[in-house]
Each structure stands twice: as C-alpha cells, then as structure tokens.
Amino acid sequence: MTNNSSIRSLSGASLNVVSRGNHGLPVLFQHGLGGDAHQVARIFPDDERFALTTIECAGHGGSSCPQPPAFSIEAFYQDIEACSAGRFPDGFVVGGISMGAALALALAIRNPSRVRGLILVRPAWFLDKSPDNLEPIRAVSELLRRYPRKKALEIFISSDLAARIRRSSPDNYSTLTDYLGEHQPEWLGKLLSDIAGDGVELSTEQLAAIKVPTLIIGVDADDIHPFTLAEKLHRLIPGSRFEKAPRKDDVYAKPSYAGRTAELIADFLGEIEEPTPDRRDSTRGPDEKSALN
C-alpha cells in the first residue's frame, strides 16, 4: 500500500513524500531530474522485506515549486537529509536514479554513521558540477526559456543535437522531447537549467572512504548517463558491486530494464541486515557514543 504525506522544504515548497511498506529494511530512493516517485516505483522491487520512501524534490511530481523558482542540488540535498534524519533514526539504505544517484552519493559521504547501503542507478554526475554529458539537457532548457513549447520542440527536432541523440541514445531522445511537451510545468526550463548546470563537488578520496555496501547499475546507449561514468564510480568505491541492466529502449530484453534493475536491487538489499537501535549505536565512534550519555 502506498501512502502520501507532505513536509515543508527549506525553500518554502510543499514536498510530497511517497512511502510503500511500513516494515522491513528502510530505503530512501530518489528520482531523477524531471522524474517522480513513479519513476522509482518502476525499478524498485515490490517486496515486503523493504520499506520504500521517495521524497519528490521541489518542482517535481506532487511537490510544489519554490517562489520565485530557484533550484539547486544542495537545496534538494538539505531537504532529503533533514527528512531522513527524522524518519530513519536507526539508519537506512539510500539510493537514486541519475540526479537521485548524486543526492544518494552525497548522503552516503556526509552521513556515514546512518547510511547502511548505497545504490546508484544510471548515475549522471561524477566529481564536478555541470558535467559535459548533461549538455543536451542544458540545450533543451535554453530552448524552453527562449521559445513557446511548440516552437522549442520544432527547433530541437530539426537540430544536429537531436539527430545525434536519436541515433546514439533513443531513450535520451524520448526524454528530451518529453521535456518539451505541453504537459510539463511552466518552471521546467528553469529547473533543467539550474540542476544540469549544478552538482555536488566530490573528490576521489571521499569516494574511497565509502565503507557501506554499494551497488552501481549502468546501461548501454545512454549518452546522458554514460556507462563509463558508472564504471569509474565502481573503480573508486571500495568493494562496490557493478551490474549492467538492459538498455531502456530494448523492448525485446527479458527481463526488461525495469525488471532486471528491480532484481538486482532486491538481491543487493537482501544481503543487508535491517537496522536496530543497538546496531546503530555500534557504528558510532567513541566520541559519538559519549555525546549520547
């Protein structure tokens, strides 16, 4: 059963929190740029052993938009970090798709005593802000901000960029054209521009310091989420597990991208023990324990 609740973001937006399952291993799993909780539900195992929570970031899904519209990875991070602290006092597994993977990675690095596992699906950010692989999104955001939707779509479809993406990554092409659809919110151009030009600056040392079980999933034919980027993260995060799922547009894959990703996540989560207050305390260092006394 799925439950919806709301929290107030630091920017003043109302954030929609979607949860499924009241018992089992708590998992906070974040959506990608322009996505929502449905995007997560499609690739997450429907398994009573795992309690899934997704916080729809400001301007996404059922969450409202900050006024005036302004978005950043750090603002999204602060919202989900504050929510996770209250909801998962005994620890949790964090994961995400694309932008959600960047948020999950930041949570794992900054909260080592609370995060018990990490899942990165089709990551789009590596160490720096505004990565080159997000240039197609920045191009679409510029069209949205300069032209009416119909005109922006016409310009994009006839562009060299669209022709290249259509050949090399059909799923990315579908996503980019969907961004230009009339059904999208009026603030989408601003959202895409702000986030695709942003990121969390990380170091190889921070990745090497991650000690929790980590699963990284990459796919082929995805220019915005390069397979090589997922491989780089795997090489730098000690003991991480690297898996390949079918490309998203492969209609003949058995199981499909969503089905195989759910299988991989279920296998990974099945090896992580559900946190308890006693186990949480045992992960603290001496200074942290003494602060509780």
Protein backbone atom coordinates (compact mmCIF):
# COMPACT_ATOMS: atom_id res chain seq x y z
CA MET A 1 0.00 0.00 0.00
CA THR A 2 1.29 3.46 -0.93
CA ASN A 3 0.97 6.39 1.47
CA ASN A 4 1.43 10.08 0.74
CA SER A 5 2.39 12.77 3.22
CA SER A 6 3.91 16.20 2.95
CA ILE A 7 6.75 18.15 4.51
CA ARG A 8 7.81 21.77 4.16
CA SER A 9 11.10 22.35 2.33
CA LEU A 10 13.67 24.92 3.43
CA SER A 11 12.69 26.93 0.34
CA GLY A 12 9.05 27.01 1.46
CA ALA A 13 7.79 24.47 -1.07
CA SER A 14 5.47 21.65 -0.02
CA LEU A 15 7.20 18.33 -0.72
CA ASN A 16 5.27 15.16 -1.47
CA VAL A 17 6.62 12.12 0.40
CA VAL A 18 5.58 8.74 -1.01
CA SER A 19 6.09 5.61 1.07
CA ARG A 20 5.34 1.94 0.47
CA GLY A 21 5.55 -0.66 3.22
CA ASN A 22 5.59 0.00 6.96
CA HIS A 23 8.02 -2.73 7.98
CA GLY A 24 11.29 -4.10 6.74
CA LEU A 25 14.57 -2.54 5.73
CA PRO A 26 14.06 1.24 5.29
CA VAL A 27 15.18 2.51 1.88
CA LEU A 28 15.18 6.15 0.79
CA PHE A 29 15.30 6.12 -3.02
CA GLN A 30 15.33 9.36 -5.03
CA HIS A 31 14.09 10.06 -8.56
CA GLY A 32 15.92 11.70 -11.44
CA LEU A 33 15.69 15.21 -12.89
CA GLY A 34 12.11 15.79 -14.02
CA GLY A 35 11.07 12.46 -12.51
CA ASP A 36 8.92 11.50 -9.55
CA ALA A 37 8.07 8.63 -7.22
CA HIS A 38 6.52 6.66 -10.09
CA GLN A 39 9.92 6.57 -11.81
CA VAL A 40 11.37 4.95 -8.68
CA ALA A 41 8.48 2.52 -8.22
CA ARG A 42 9.01 1.13 -11.72
CA ILE A 43 12.51 -0.12 -10.91
CA PHE A 44 12.17 -0.92 -7.19
CA PRO A 45 11.30 -4.46 -6.07
CA ASP A 46 7.74 -4.99 -4.85
CA ASP A 47 8.92 -6.89 -1.80
CA GLU A 48 7.57 -6.69 1.75
CA ARG A 49 11.11 -7.04 3.09
CA PHE A 50 11.84 -3.45 2.02
CA ALA A 51 10.08 -0.23 3.07
CA LEU A 52 10.46 2.33 0.28
CA THR A 53 10.34 6.10 0.70
CA THR A 54 10.76 8.72 -2.04
CA ILE A 55 10.76 12.46 -1.38
CA GLU A 56 9.68 14.28 -4.54
CA CYS A 57 12.07 17.23 -4.79
CA ALA A 58 10.73 20.77 -5.11
CA GLY A 59 9.22 21.29 -8.55
CA HIS A 60 8.85 17.55 -9.19
CA GLY A 61 5.84 15.24 -9.10
CA GLY A 62 3.31 16.28 -6.48
CA SER A 63 5.65 18.77 -4.81
CA SER A 64 5.17 22.49 -5.28
CA CYS A 65 7.67 24.91 -6.79
CA PRO A 66 9.65 27.42 -4.70
CA GLN A 67 8.62 31.01 -5.29
CA PRO A 68 10.38 32.56 -7.05
CA PRO A 69 11.53 29.42 -8.89
CA ALA A 70 15.12 28.56 -7.94
CA PHE A 71 16.65 25.12 -7.72
CA SER A 72 19.94 23.58 -6.66
CA ILE A 73 21.31 20.14 -5.86
CA GLU A 74 22.34 21.38 -2.43
CA ALA A 75 18.81 22.62 -1.66
CA PHE A 76 17.39 19.24 -2.69
CA TYR A 77 20.03 17.56 -0.56
CA GLN A 78 19.23 19.63 2.53
CA ASP A 79 15.55 18.74 2.24
CA ILE A 80 16.06 14.98 1.98
CA GLU A 81 18.81 14.97 4.62
CA ALA A 82 16.54 16.72 7.12
CA CYS A 83 13.66 14.36 6.34
CA SER A 84 15.81 11.25 6.57
CA ALA A 85 17.16 12.26 9.97
CA GLY A 86 13.66 12.31 11.41
CA ARG A 87 12.26 9.28 9.61
CA PHE A 88 15.17 6.85 9.90
CA PRO A 89 16.79 7.35 13.31
CA ASP A 90 18.25 3.84 13.27
CA GLY A 91 19.77 4.07 9.81
CA PHE A 92 18.67 3.38 6.23
CA VAL A 93 19.79 2.43 2.75
CA VAL A 94 19.93 5.30 0.27
CA GLY A 95 19.67 5.07 -3.49
CA GLY A 96 18.74 7.05 -6.55
CA ILE A 97 18.41 7.30 -10.30
CA SER A 98 20.53 9.89 -12.18
CA MET A 99 20.09 13.12 -10.16
CA GLY A 100 18.81 10.94 -7.33
CA ALA A 101 22.07 8.97 -7.51
CA ALA A 102 24.02 12.22 -6.99
CA LEU A 103 21.90 13.00 -3.93
CA ALA A 104 22.29 9.46 -2.60
CA LEU A 105 26.05 9.61 -3.02
CA ALA A 106 26.21 12.89 -1.10
CA LEU A 107 24.10 11.40 1.71
CA ALA A 108 26.38 8.38 1.99
CA ILE A 109 29.50 10.54 2.13
CA ARG A 110 28.16 13.08 4.61
CA ASN A 111 26.25 10.66 6.87
CA PRO A 112 28.44 7.56 7.23
CA SER A 113 27.01 6.61 10.64
CA ARG A 114 23.39 6.50 9.40
CA VAL A 115 23.64 5.16 5.85
CA ARG A 116 23.81 1.34 5.76
CA GLY A 117 23.93 0.84 1.99
CA LEU A 118 24.14 2.79 -1.27
CA ILE A 119 22.51 2.18 -4.67
CA LEU A 120 23.41 4.22 -7.76
CA VAL A 121 21.28 3.62 -10.87
CA ARG A 122 22.43 5.23 -14.13
CA PRO A 123 24.47 7.97 -12.42
CA ALA A 124 24.88 11.22 -14.38
CA TRP A 125 27.30 13.15 -12.13
CA PHE A 126 30.88 12.23 -11.31
CA LEU A 127 33.17 14.61 -9.37
CA ASP A 128 32.38 18.04 -10.79
CA LYS A 129 29.43 20.32 -11.36
CA SER A 130 27.85 20.84 -14.79
CA PRO A 131 29.23 17.68 -16.45
CA ASP A 132 29.58 17.54 -20.24
CA ASN A 133 27.14 14.63 -20.53
CA LEU A 134 24.32 16.93 -19.35
CA GLU A 135 24.83 19.40 -22.22
CA PRO A 136 21.76 18.05 -24.11
CA ILE A 137 19.60 18.91 -21.09
CA ARG A 138 21.11 22.38 -20.89
CA ALA A 139 20.39 22.87 -24.60
CA VAL A 140 16.75 21.90 -24.14
CA SER A 141 16.43 24.17 -21.11
CA GLU A 142 17.67 27.10 -23.21
CA LEU A 143 15.01 26.40 -25.84
CA LEU A 144 12.31 26.23 -23.17
CA ARG A 145 13.36 29.58 -21.77
CA ARG A 146 13.54 31.32 -25.16
CA TYR A 147 10.56 29.94 -27.11
CA PRO A 148 6.98 28.71 -26.69
CA ARG A 149 6.81 24.93 -26.21
CA LYS A 150 5.69 24.08 -29.74
CA LYS A 151 8.41 26.23 -31.34
CA ALA A 152 11.06 24.90 -28.96
CA LEU A 153 10.13 21.32 -29.89
CA GLU A 154 10.30 22.10 -33.62
CA ILE A 155 13.76 23.67 -33.27
CA PHE A 156 15.07 20.77 -31.21
CA ILE A 157 13.75 18.04 -33.51
CA SER A 158 15.42 19.66 -36.53
CA SER A 159 18.77 20.19 -34.76
CA ASP A 160 22.03 18.30 -35.22
CA LEU A 161 21.98 17.52 -31.50
CA ALA A 162 18.62 15.76 -31.80
CA ALA A 163 19.84 13.76 -34.79
CA ARG A 164 22.92 12.60 -32.88
CA ILE A 165 21.00 11.70 -29.72
CA ARG A 166 18.30 9.91 -31.71
CA ARG A 167 20.98 7.65 -33.23
CA SER A 168 23.13 7.02 -30.17
CA SER A 169 20.57 7.05 -27.36
CA PRO A 170 16.91 6.71 -28.36
CA ASP A 171 15.76 6.73 -24.74
CA ASN A 172 17.54 10.04 -24.11
CA TYR A 173 15.86 11.44 -27.21
CA SER A 174 12.45 10.45 -25.82
CA THR A 175 13.25 12.10 -22.51
CA LEU A 176 14.41 15.34 -24.12
CA THR A 177 11.36 15.61 -26.36
CA ASP A 178 9.13 14.85 -23.36
CA TYR A 179 10.72 17.80 -21.53
CA LEU A 180 9.40 19.97 -24.38
CA GLY A 181 5.83 18.68 -24.10
CA GLU A 182 2.85 20.91 -23.33
CA HIS A 183 2.08 18.81 -20.23
CA GLN A 184 5.22 19.98 -18.43
CA PRO A 185 5.09 22.65 -15.69
CA GLU A 186 5.92 26.23 -16.59
CA TRP A 187 9.05 26.22 -14.43
CA LEU A 188 10.67 23.23 -16.13
CA GLY A 189 13.11 25.31 -18.20
CA LYS A 190 14.43 26.97 -15.06
CA LEU A 191 14.59 23.63 -13.25
CA LEU A 192 16.58 21.93 -16.03
CA SER A 193 18.95 24.87 -16.39
CA ASP A 194 19.64 25.20 -12.67
CA ILE A 195 20.19 21.50 -11.99
CA ALA A 196 22.01 20.45 -15.18
CA GLY A 197 24.46 23.29 -14.51
CA ASP A 198 24.90 22.29 -10.88
CA GLY A 199 26.14 19.30 -8.91
CA VAL A 200 27.97 18.17 -5.80
CA GLU A 201 31.73 18.60 -5.99
CA LEU A 202 33.40 15.43 -4.74
CA SER A 203 36.92 14.04 -4.51
CA THR A 204 38.33 10.62 -5.21
CA GLU A 205 39.33 10.49 -1.55
CA GLN A 206 35.70 10.88 -0.49
CA LEU A 207 34.64 8.05 -2.78
CA ALA A 208 37.43 5.85 -1.46
CA ALA A 209 36.23 6.49 2.10
CA ILE A 210 32.78 4.98 1.46
CA LYS A 211 32.61 1.80 3.56
CA VAL A 212 28.99 0.66 3.16
CA PRO A 213 27.83 -2.00 0.68
CA THR A 214 27.35 -0.28 -2.68
CA LEU A 215 25.52 -1.34 -5.83
CA ILE A 216 26.08 0.54 -9.11
CA ILE A 217 23.93 -0.17 -12.17
CA GLY A 218 24.75 1.10 -15.66
CA VAL A 219 23.19 0.66 -19.10
CA ASP A 220 24.40 0.99 -22.68
CA ALA A 221 23.20 3.54 -25.27
CA ASP A 222 22.70 6.30 -22.71
CA ASP A 223 24.63 9.49 -23.50
CA ILE A 224 23.29 11.41 -20.51
CA HIS A 225 24.15 8.56 -18.11
CA PRO A 226 27.36 7.14 -19.62
CA PHE A 227 28.19 3.53 -18.87
CA THR A 228 31.82 4.60 -18.46
CA LEU A 229 30.84 7.01 -15.69
CA ALA A 230 29.20 4.19 -13.73
CA GLU A 231 32.37 2.14 -14.23
CA LYS A 232 34.52 4.99 -12.87
CA LEU A 233 32.44 5.17 -9.70
CA HIS A 234 32.74 1.41 -9.31
CA ARG A 235 36.52 1.54 -9.55
CA LEU A 236 36.75 4.30 -6.94
CA ILE A 237 34.26 3.00 -4.34
CA PRO A 238 35.92 0.12 -2.47
CA GLY A 239 34.13 -3.21 -2.68
CA SER A 240 31.29 -1.84 -4.77
CA ARG A 241 29.22 -4.21 -6.89
CA PHE A 242 28.86 -3.26 -10.55
CA GLU A 243 26.00 -4.59 -12.67
CA LYS A 244 24.70 -3.97 -16.17
CA ALA A 245 20.97 -3.74 -16.91
CA PRO A 246 19.41 -3.91 -20.40
CA ARG A 247 19.22 -0.62 -22.25
CA LYS A 248 15.97 1.16 -21.50
CA ASP A 249 14.69 1.15 -25.08
CA ASP A 250 15.29 -2.57 -25.65
CA VAL A 251 11.73 -3.88 -25.99
CA TYR A 252 12.96 -7.44 -26.54
CA ALA A 253 15.01 -7.70 -23.35
CA LYS A 254 13.80 -10.43 -20.98
CA PRO A 255 13.72 -9.21 -18.28
CA SER A 256 13.40 -5.55 -19.25
CA TYR A 257 15.48 -2.68 -17.89
CA ALA A 258 12.96 -2.10 -15.10
CA GLY A 259 12.56 -5.78 -14.29
CA ARG A 260 16.27 -6.55 -14.24
CA THR A 261 17.06 -3.44 -12.17
CA ALA A 262 14.45 -4.49 -9.61
CA GLU A 263 16.00 -7.96 -9.46
CA LEU A 264 19.47 -6.55 -8.89
CA ILE A 265 18.24 -4.21 -6.16
CA ALA A 266 16.32 -7.00 -4.42
CA ASP A 267 19.37 -9.28 -4.40
CA PHE A 268 21.55 -6.48 -3.03
CA LEU A 269 19.12 -5.36 -0.32
CA GLY A 270 18.53 -8.96 0.73
CA GLU A 271 22.12 -9.09 1.98
CA ILE A 272 21.78 -6.01 4.23
CA GLU A 273 20.52 -6.52 7.77
CA GLU A 274 17.63 -4.39 8.95
CA PRO A 275 18.97 -1.70 11.33
CA THR A 276 18.12 -1.65 15.00
CA PRO A 277 18.95 0.91 17.70
CA ASP A 278 21.65 -1.41 19.07
CA ARG A 279 23.31 -1.82 15.68
CA ARG A 280 23.14 1.90 15.06
CA ASP A 281 24.94 2.58 18.34
CA SER A 282 27.66 0.07 17.45
CA THR A 283 28.54 2.05 14.32
CA ARG A 284 29.33 5.19 16.26
CA GLY A 285 32.83 6.15 17.21
CA PRO A 286 33.84 6.74 20.83
CA ASP A 287 33.19 10.47 20.64
CA GLU A 288 29.74 9.99 19.18
CA LYS A 289 28.79 7.45 21.87
CA SER A 290 29.95 9.65 24.72
CA ALA A 291 27.91 12.56 23.35
CA LEU A 292 24.75 10.50 23.94
CA ASN A 293 25.50 9.76 27.58
